[in-house]
PDB file of N, CA and C in Angstrom:
ATOM      1  N   UNK A   1    -192.573  91.724 202.466  1.00  0.00           N
ATOM      2  CA  UNK A   1    -193.286  91.419 201.774  1.00  0.00           C
ATOM      3  C   UNK A   1    -194.660  90.580 202.373  1.00  0.00           C
ATOM      4  N   UNK A   2    -195.933  90.883 202.589  1.00  0.00           N
ATOM      5  CA  UNK A   2    -197.359  90.635 202.823  1.00  0.00           C
ATOM      6  C   UNK A   2    -198.039  89.534 201.905  1.00  0.00           C
ATOM      7  N   UNK A   3    -198.296  88.551 202.418  1.00  0.00           N
ATOM      8  CA  UNK A   3    -199.190  87.863 201.642  1.00  0.00           C
ATOM      9  C   UNK A   3    -200.835  87.225 202.334  1.00  0.00           C
ATOM     10  N   UNK A   4    -201.444  87.563 201.832  1.00  0.00           N
ATOM     11  CA  UNK A   4    -203.222  87.510 202.131  1.00  0.00           C
ATOM     12  C   UNK A   4    -203.413  86.120 201.377  1.00  0.00           C
ATOM     13  N   UNK A   5    -203.727  84.795 202.209  1.00  0.00           N
ATOM     14  CA  UNK A   5    -203.980  83.640 201.359  1.00  0.00           C
ATOM     15  C   UNK A   5    -205.370  83.199 202.323  1.00  0.00           C
ATOM     16  N   UNK A   6    -206.352  83.151 201.366  1.00  0.00           N
ATOM     17  CA  UNK A   6    -207.732  82.256 201.990  1.00  0.00           C
ATOM     18  C   UNK A   6    -207.861  80.852 201.312  1.00  0.00           C
ATOM     19  N   UNK A   7    -208.071  79.746 202.741  1.00  0.00           N
ATOM     20  CA  UNK A   7    -207.979  78.618 202.117  1.00  0.00           C
ATOM     21  C   UNK A   7    -209.526  78.209 202.586  1.00  0.00           C
ATOM     22  N   UNK A   8    -210.055  77.135 202.243  1.00  0.00           N
ATOM     23  CA  UNK A   8    -211.177  76.140 202.918  1.00  0.00           C
ATOM     24  C   UNK A   8    -210.769  75.498 203.258  1.00  0.00           C
ATOM     25  N   UNK A   9    -209.671  74.717 203.576  1.00  0.00           N
ATOM     26  CA  UNK A   9    -209.394  74.013 204.585  1.00  0.00           C
ATOM     27  C   UNK A   9    -207.834  74.298 205.291  1.00  0.00           C
ATOM     28  N   UNK A  10    -207.822  73.491 206.447  1.00  0.00           N
ATOM     29  CA  UNK A  10    -206.287  73.888 206.976  1.00  0.00           C
ATOM     30  C   UNK A  10    -205.218  73.102 205.632  1.00  0.00           C
ATOM     31  N   UNK A  11    -204.020  73.990 205.573  1.00  0.00           N
ATOM     32  CA  UNK A  11    -203.119  73.688 204.666  1.00  0.00           C
ATOM     33  C   UNK A  11    -201.744  73.865 205.046  1.00  0.00           C
ATOM     34  N   UNK A  12    -200.910  73.021 204.652  1.00  0.00           N
ATOM     35  CA  UNK A  12    -199.159  73.463 204.890  1.00  0.00           C
ATOM     36  C   UNK A  12    -198.577  74.530 203.860  1.00  0.00           C
ATOM     37  N   UNK A  13    -198.124  75.127 204.165  1.00  0.00           N
ATOM     38  CA  UNK A  13    -197.351  76.110 202.970  1.00  0.00           C
ATOM     39  C   UNK A  13    -195.721  76.273 203.541  1.00  0.00           C
ATOM     40  N   UNK A  14    -194.929  75.995 202.320  1.00  0.00           N
ATOM     41  CA  UNK A  14    -193.468  76.238 202.339  1.00  0.00           C
ATOM     42  C   UNK A  14    -193.384  77.506 201.565  1.00  0.00           C
ATOM     43  N   UNK A  15    -192.677  78.724 202.062  1.00  0.00           N
ATOM     44  CA  UNK A  15    -191.761  79.897 200.871  1.00  0.00           C
ATOM     45  C   UNK A  15    -190.659  79.483 200.704  1.00  0.00           C
ATOM     46  N   UNK A  16    -190.330  79.349 199.568  1.00  0.00           N
ATOM     47  CA  UNK A  16    -188.737  78.872 199.414  1.00  0.00           C
ATOM     48  C   UNK A  16    -188.293  80.237 198.681  1.00  0.00           C
ATOM     49  N   UNK A  17    -187.118  80.507 198.981  1.00  0.00           N
ATOM     50  CA  UNK A  17    -186.391  82.127 198.703  1.00  0.00           C
ATOM     51  C   UNK A  17    -185.190  81.742 198.056  1.00  0.00           C
ATOM     52  N   UNK A  18    -184.999  82.466 196.695  1.00  0.00           N
ATOM     53  CA  UNK A  18    -183.938  82.753 195.942  1.00  0.00           C
ATOM     54  C   UNK A  18    -183.265  83.666 195.942  1.00  0.00           C
ATOM     55  N   UNK A  19    -182.023  83.833 195.283  1.00  0.00           N
ATOM     56  CA  UNK A  19    -181.917  85.360 194.663  1.00  0.00           C
ATOM     57  C   UNK A  19    -182.057  85.396 193.430  1.00  0.00           C
ATOM     58  N   UNK A  20    -182.209  84.426 192.586  1.00  0.00           N
ATOM     59  CA  UNK A  20    -182.880  84.330 191.136  1.00  0.00           C
ATOM     60  C   UNK A  20    -183.518  83.108 190.601  1.00  0.00           C
ATOM     61  N   UNK A  21    -184.213  82.852 189.813  1.00  0.00           N
ATOM     62  CA  UNK A  21    -184.819  82.036 189.385  1.00  0.00           C
ATOM     63  C   UNK A  21    -183.858  80.912 188.821  1.00  0.00           C
ATOM     64  N   UNK A  22    -183.601  79.661 189.007  1.00  0.00           N
ATOM     65  CA  UNK A  22    -182.390  78.912 189.120  1.00  0.00           C
ATOM     66  C   UNK A  22    -181.416  79.252 189.646  1.00  0.00           C
ATOM     67  N   UNK A  23    -181.290  80.166 190.847  1.00  0.00           N
ATOM     68  CA  UNK A  23    -180.046  80.524 191.966  1.00  0.00           C
ATOM     69  C   UNK A  23    -180.315  78.929 192.972  1.00  0.00           C
ATOM     70  N   UNK A  24    -179.176  78.800 193.747  1.00  0.00           N
ATOM     71  CA  UNK A  24    -179.600  77.979 195.394  1.00  0.00           C
ATOM     72  C   UNK A  24    -180.209  78.549 196.184  1.00  0.00           C
ATOM     73  N   UNK A  25    -181.297  77.938 196.647  1.00  0.00           N
ATOM     74  CA  UNK A  25    -181.966  78.381 197.618  1.00  0.00           C
ATOM     75  C   UNK A  25    -181.481  78.952 199.047  1.00  0.00           C
ATOM     76  N   UNK A  26    -181.758  79.996 199.498  1.00  0.00           N
ATOM     77  CA  UNK A  26    -181.312  81.030 199.934  1.00  0.00           C
ATOM     78  C   UNK A  26    -182.120  81.298 201.592  1.00  0.00           C
ATOM     79  N   UNK A  27    -183.049  80.421 201.589  1.00  0.00           N
ATOM     80  CA  UNK A  27    -184.254  80.602 203.112  1.00  0.00           C
ATOM     81  C   UNK A  27    -185.545  79.730 202.596  1.00  0.00           C
ATOM     82  N   UNK A  28    -185.955  78.686 203.371  1.00  0.00           N
ATOM     83  CA  UNK A  28    -187.150  77.880 203.497  1.00  0.00           C
ATOM     84  C   UNK A  28    -187.751  78.444 205.020  1.00  0.00           C
ATOM     85  N   UNK A  29    -189.250  78.975 204.487  1.00  0.00           N
ATOM     86  CA  UNK A  29    -190.013  78.904 205.660  1.00  0.00           C
ATOM     87  C   UNK A  29    -191.260  78.078 205.767  1.00  0.00           C
ATOM     88  N   UNK A  30    -191.687  77.777 206.541  1.00  0.00           N
ATOM     89  CA  UNK A  30    -192.750  76.761 206.921  1.00  0.00           C
ATOM     90  C   UNK A  30    -193.770  77.620 207.491  1.00  0.00           C
ATOM     91  N   UNK A  31    -195.093  77.118 207.134  1.00  0.00           N
ATOM     92  CA  UNK A  31    -196.426  77.702 207.877  1.00  0.00           C
ATOM     93  C   UNK A  31    -197.667  76.864 207.619  1.00  0.00           C
ATOM     94  N   UNK A  32    -198.461  76.996 208.669  1.00  0.00           N
ATOM     95  CA  UNK A  32    -199.517  75.959 208.864  1.00  0.00           C
ATOM     96  C   UNK A  32    -200.679  76.883 209.146  1.00  0.00           C
ATOM     97  N   UNK A  33    -201.656  76.943 207.997  1.00  0.00           N
ATOM     98  CA  UNK A  33    -202.301  77.775 207.481  1.00  0.00           C
ATOM     99  C   UNK A  33    -203.570  77.500 208.065  1.00  0.00           C
ATOM    100  N   UNK A  34    -204.845  77.957 208.600  1.00  0.00           N
ATOM    101  CA  UNK A  34    -206.185  77.577 209.201  1.00  0.00           C
ATOM    102  C   UNK A  34    -206.991  77.963 208.266  1.00  0.00           C
ATOM    103  N   UNK A  35    -208.327  77.165 208.107  1.00  0.00           N
ATOM    104  CA  UNK A  35    -209.523  77.610 207.350  1.00  0.00           C
ATOM    105  C   UNK A  35    -209.651  79.608 207.491  1.00  0.00           C
ATOM    106  N   UNK A  36    -210.016  79.956 206.225  1.00  0.00           N
ATOM    107  CA  UNK A  36    -209.851  81.350 206.240  1.00  0.00           C
ATOM    108  C   UNK A  36    -209.110  81.947 205.727  1.00  0.00           C
ATOM    109  N   UNK A  37    -209.235  83.553 206.215  1.00  0.00           N
ATOM    110  CA  UNK A  37    -207.809  84.185 205.749  1.00  0.00           C
ATOM    111  C   UNK A  37    -206.652  84.190 206.335  1.00  0.00           C
ATOM    112  N   UNK A  38    -205.523  84.197 205.946  1.00  0.00           N
ATOM    113  CA  UNK A  38    -204.431  83.932 206.640  1.00  0.00           C
ATOM    114  C   UNK A  38    -203.175  84.841 206.342  1.00  0.00           C
ATOM    115  N   UNK A  39    -202.690  85.465 207.404  1.00  0.00           N
ATOM    116  CA  UNK A  39    -201.836  86.652 206.486  1.00  0.00           C
ATOM    117  C   UNK A  39    -200.214  86.288 206.875  1.00  0.00           C
ATOM    118  N   UNK A  40    -199.489  86.558 205.772  1.00  0.00           N
ATOM    119  CA  UNK A  40    -198.164  85.895 206.201  1.00  0.00           C
ATOM    120  C   UNK A  40    -197.039  86.884 206.173  1.00  0.00           C
ATOM    121  N   UNK A  41    -196.331  87.181 206.753  1.00  0.00           N
ATOM    122  CA  UNK A  41    -195.233  88.571 206.546  1.00  0.00           C
ATOM    123  C   UNK A  41    -193.763  87.847 206.662  1.00  0.00           C
ATOM    124  N   UNK A  42    -193.271  87.935 205.411  1.00  0.00           N
ATOM    125  CA  UNK A  42    -191.678  87.651 205.378  1.00  0.00           C
ATOM    126  C   UNK A  42    -190.913  89.001 205.270  1.00  0.00           C
ATOM    127  N   UNK A  43    -189.621  88.877 206.075  1.00  0.00           N
ATOM    128  CA  UNK A  43    -189.085  90.056 205.854  1.00  0.00           C
ATOM    129  C   UNK A  43    -187.838  89.370 205.233  1.00  0.00           C
ATOM    130  N   UNK A  44    -187.774  90.217 204.115  1.00  0.00           N
ATOM    131  CA  UNK A  44    -186.677  90.379 203.127  1.00  0.00           C
ATOM    132  C   UNK A  44    -185.272  90.011 203.649  1.00  0.00           C
ATOM    133  N   UNK A  45    -184.252  89.453 203.015  1.00  0.00           N
ATOM    134  CA  UNK A  45    -182.949  89.412 203.754  1.00  0.00           C
ATOM    135  C   UNK A  45    -182.433  91.210 203.435  1.00  0.00           C
ATOM    136  N   UNK A  46    -182.909  91.829 202.216  1.00  0.00           N
ATOM    137  CA  UNK A  46    -182.507  92.840 201.941  1.00  0.00           C
ATOM    138  C   UNK A  46    -183.366  93.791 201.556  1.00  0.00           C
ATOM    139  N   UNK A  47    -183.664  94.659 201.840  1.00  0.00           N
ATOM    140  CA  UNK A  47    -184.990  95.297 201.070  1.00  0.00           C
ATOM    141  C   UNK A  47    -184.467  96.094 200.071  1.00  0.00           C
ATOM    142  N   UNK A  48    -183.056  96.175 199.614  1.00  0.00           N
ATOM    143  CA  UNK A  48    -182.403  96.700 198.464  1.00  0.00           C
ATOM    144  C   UNK A  48    -182.193  95.871 196.982  1.00  0.00           C
ATOM    145  N   UNK A  49    -182.695  94.693 197.478  1.00  0.00           N
ATOM    146  CA  UNK A  49    -182.623  93.314 196.654  1.00  0.00           C
ATOM    147  C   UNK A  49    -183.745  92.858 195.886  1.00  0.00           C
ATOM    148  N   UNK A  50    -183.713  92.054 194.811  1.00  0.00           N
ATOM    149  CA  UNK A  50    -184.972  91.781 194.389  1.00  0.00           C
ATOM    150  C   UNK A  50    -184.552  90.104 194.550  1.00  0.00           C
ATOM    151  N   UNK A  51    -185.976  89.487 194.955  1.00  0.00           N
ATOM    152  CA  UNK A  51    -185.833  87.933 194.965  1.00  0.00           C
ATOM    153  C   UNK A  51    -186.734  87.163 194.101  1.00  0.00           C
ATOM    154  N   UNK A  52    -186.484  86.101 193.962  1.00  0.00           N
ATOM    155  CA  UNK A  52    -187.343  85.213 193.912  1.00  0.00           C
ATOM    156  C   UNK A  52    -187.886  84.171 194.507  1.00  0.00           C
ATOM    157  N   UNK A  53    -189.516  84.032 194.571  1.00  0.00           N
ATOM    158  CA  UNK A  53    -189.825  83.002 195.764  1.00  0.00           C
ATOM    159  C   UNK A  53    -190.973  82.314 195.194  1.00  0.00           C
ATOM    160  N   UNK A  54    -190.711  80.646 195.496  1.00  0.00           N
ATOM    161  CA  UNK A  54    -191.723  79.816 195.090  1.00  0.00           C
ATOM    162  C   UNK A  54    -192.855  79.195 196.554  1.00  0.00           C
ATOM    163  N   UNK A  55    -194.020  79.219 196.084  1.00  0.00           N
ATOM    164  CA  UNK A  55    -194.769  78.938 196.964  1.00  0.00           C
ATOM    165  C   UNK A  55    -195.398  77.897 197.213  1.00  0.00           C
ATOM    166  N   UNK A  56    -195.095  76.624 198.223  1.00  0.00           N
ATOM    167  CA  UNK A  56    -195.767  75.509 197.903  1.00  0.00           C
ATOM    168  C   UNK A  56    -196.699  74.895 198.488  1.00  0.00           C
ATOM    169  N   UNK A  57    -197.992  74.633 198.252  1.00  0.00           N
ATOM    170  CA  UNK A  57    -199.058  74.187 199.251  1.00  0.00           C
ATOM    171  C   UNK A  57    -199.048  72.815 198.915  1.00  0.00           C
ATOM    172  N   UNK A  58    -199.378  71.977 199.860  1.00  0.00           N
ATOM    173  CA  UNK A  58    -199.548  70.758 200.396  1.00  0.00           C
ATOM    174  C   UNK A  58    -200.927  70.718 201.064  1.00  0.00           C
ATOM    175  N   UNK A  59    -201.859  69.736 200.134  1.00  0.00           N
ATOM    176  CA  UNK A  59    -203.111  70.152 200.899  1.00  0.00           C
ATOM    177  C   UNK A  59    -203.185  68.426 201.987  1.00  0.00           C
ATOM    178  N   UNK A  60    -204.271  68.193 202.451  1.00  0.00           N
ATOM    179  CA  UNK A  60    -204.276  66.866 203.306  1.00  0.00           C
ATOM    180  C   UNK A  60    -204.173  65.662 202.543  1.00  0.00           C
ATOM    181  N   UNK A  61    -204.416  65.719 201.044  1.00  0.00           N
ATOM    182  CA  UNK A  61    -204.071  64.374 200.295  1.00  0.00           C
ATOM    183  C   UNK A  61    -202.593  64.318 199.856  1.00  0.00           C
ATOM    184  N   UNK A  62    -201.793  65.068 200.088  1.00  0.00           N
ATOM    185  CA  UNK A  62    -200.570  65.110 199.860  1.00  0.00           C
ATOM    186  C   UNK A  62    -200.339  65.687 198.253  1.00  0.00           C
ATOM    187  N   UNK A  63    -201.380  66.425 197.688  1.00  0.00           N
ATOM    188  CA  UNK A  63    -201.451  67.005 196.660  1.00  0.00           C
ATOM    189  C   UNK A  63    -200.277  68.109 196.324  1.00  0.00           C
ATOM    190  N   UNK A  64    -199.449  68.466 195.390  1.00  0.00           N
ATOM    191  CA  UNK A  64    -198.623  69.691 195.939  1.00  0.00           C
ATOM    192  C   UNK A  64    -199.156  70.605 194.510  1.00  0.00           C
ATOM    193  N   UNK A  65    -198.909  72.284 195.237  1.00  0.00           N
ATOM    194  CA  UNK A  65    -199.237  73.278 193.944  1.00  0.00           C
ATOM    195  C   UNK A  65    -198.170  74.055 194.355  1.00  0.00           C
ATOM    196  N   UNK A  66    -197.687  74.922 193.399  1.00  0.00           N
ATOM    197  CA  UNK A  66    -196.457  76.006 193.331  1.00  0.00           C
ATOM    198  C   UNK A  66    -196.861  76.806 192.496  1.00  0.00           C
ATOM    199  N   UNK A  67    -196.682  78.251 193.302  1.00  0.00           N
ATOM    200  CA  UNK A  67    -196.904  79.567 192.579  1.00  0.00           C
ATOM    201  C   UNK A  67    -195.324  80.288 192.593  1.00  0.00           C
ATOM    202  N   UNK A  68    -195.848  80.898 191.877  1.00  0.00           N
ATOM    203  CA  UNK A  68    -194.085  81.945 192.025  1.00  0.00           C
ATOM    204  C   UNK A  68    -194.130  83.199 192.097  1.00  0.00           C
ATOM    205  N   UNK A  69    -193.462  84.125 192.786  1.00  0.00           N
ATOM    206  CA  UNK A  69    -193.310  85.533 192.913  1.00  0.00           C
ATOM    207  C   UNK A  69    -191.952  85.696 192.260  1.00  0.00           C
ATOM    208  N   UNK A  70    -191.684  86.610 191.060  1.00  0.00           N
ATOM    209  CA  UNK A  70    -190.405  86.705 190.914  1.00  0.00           C
ATOM    210  C   UNK A  70    -190.244  88.449 190.800  1.00  0.00           C
ATOM    211  N   UNK A  71    -189.768  88.803 191.551  1.00  0.00           N
ATOM    212  CA  UNK A  71    -189.252  90.208 191.816  1.00  0.00           C
ATOM    213  C   UNK A  71    -188.594  90.756 190.363  1.00  0.00           C
ATOM    214  N   UNK A  72    -187.855  90.169 190.085  1.00  0.00           N
ATOM    215  CA  UNK A  72    -187.047  90.648 188.674  1.00  0.00           C
ATOM    216  C   UNK A  72    -187.968  90.972 187.275  1.00  0.00           C
ATOM    217  N   UNK A  73    -189.193  90.435 187.308  1.00  0.00           N
ATOM    218  CA  UNK A  73    -190.316  90.784 186.346  1.00  0.00           C
ATOM    219  C   UNK A  73    -190.891  92.010 186.224  1.00  0.00           C
ATOM    220  N   UNK A  74    -190.875  92.837 187.585  1.00  0.00           N
ATOM    221  CA  UNK A  74    -191.298  94.362 187.974  1.00  0.00           C
ATOM    222  C   UNK A  74    -190.822  95.340 187.648  1.00  0.00           C
TER     223      UNK A  74
END
């Protein structure tokens, strides 16, 4: 999976990976993004399986934002 994320300020991002929504987390990756366009490449545990991802952003004030990608919905 490849994500292109543009930010207006440096920000911390955590990618949480699950087999499906509501299951036990199988992987967690942390990234530090700089201002501008950032490219994140994540290699799935199996290219033959679908996964559920939560992308957690933390700004410098500690506010959290969550986005989801659910491959089961496609």
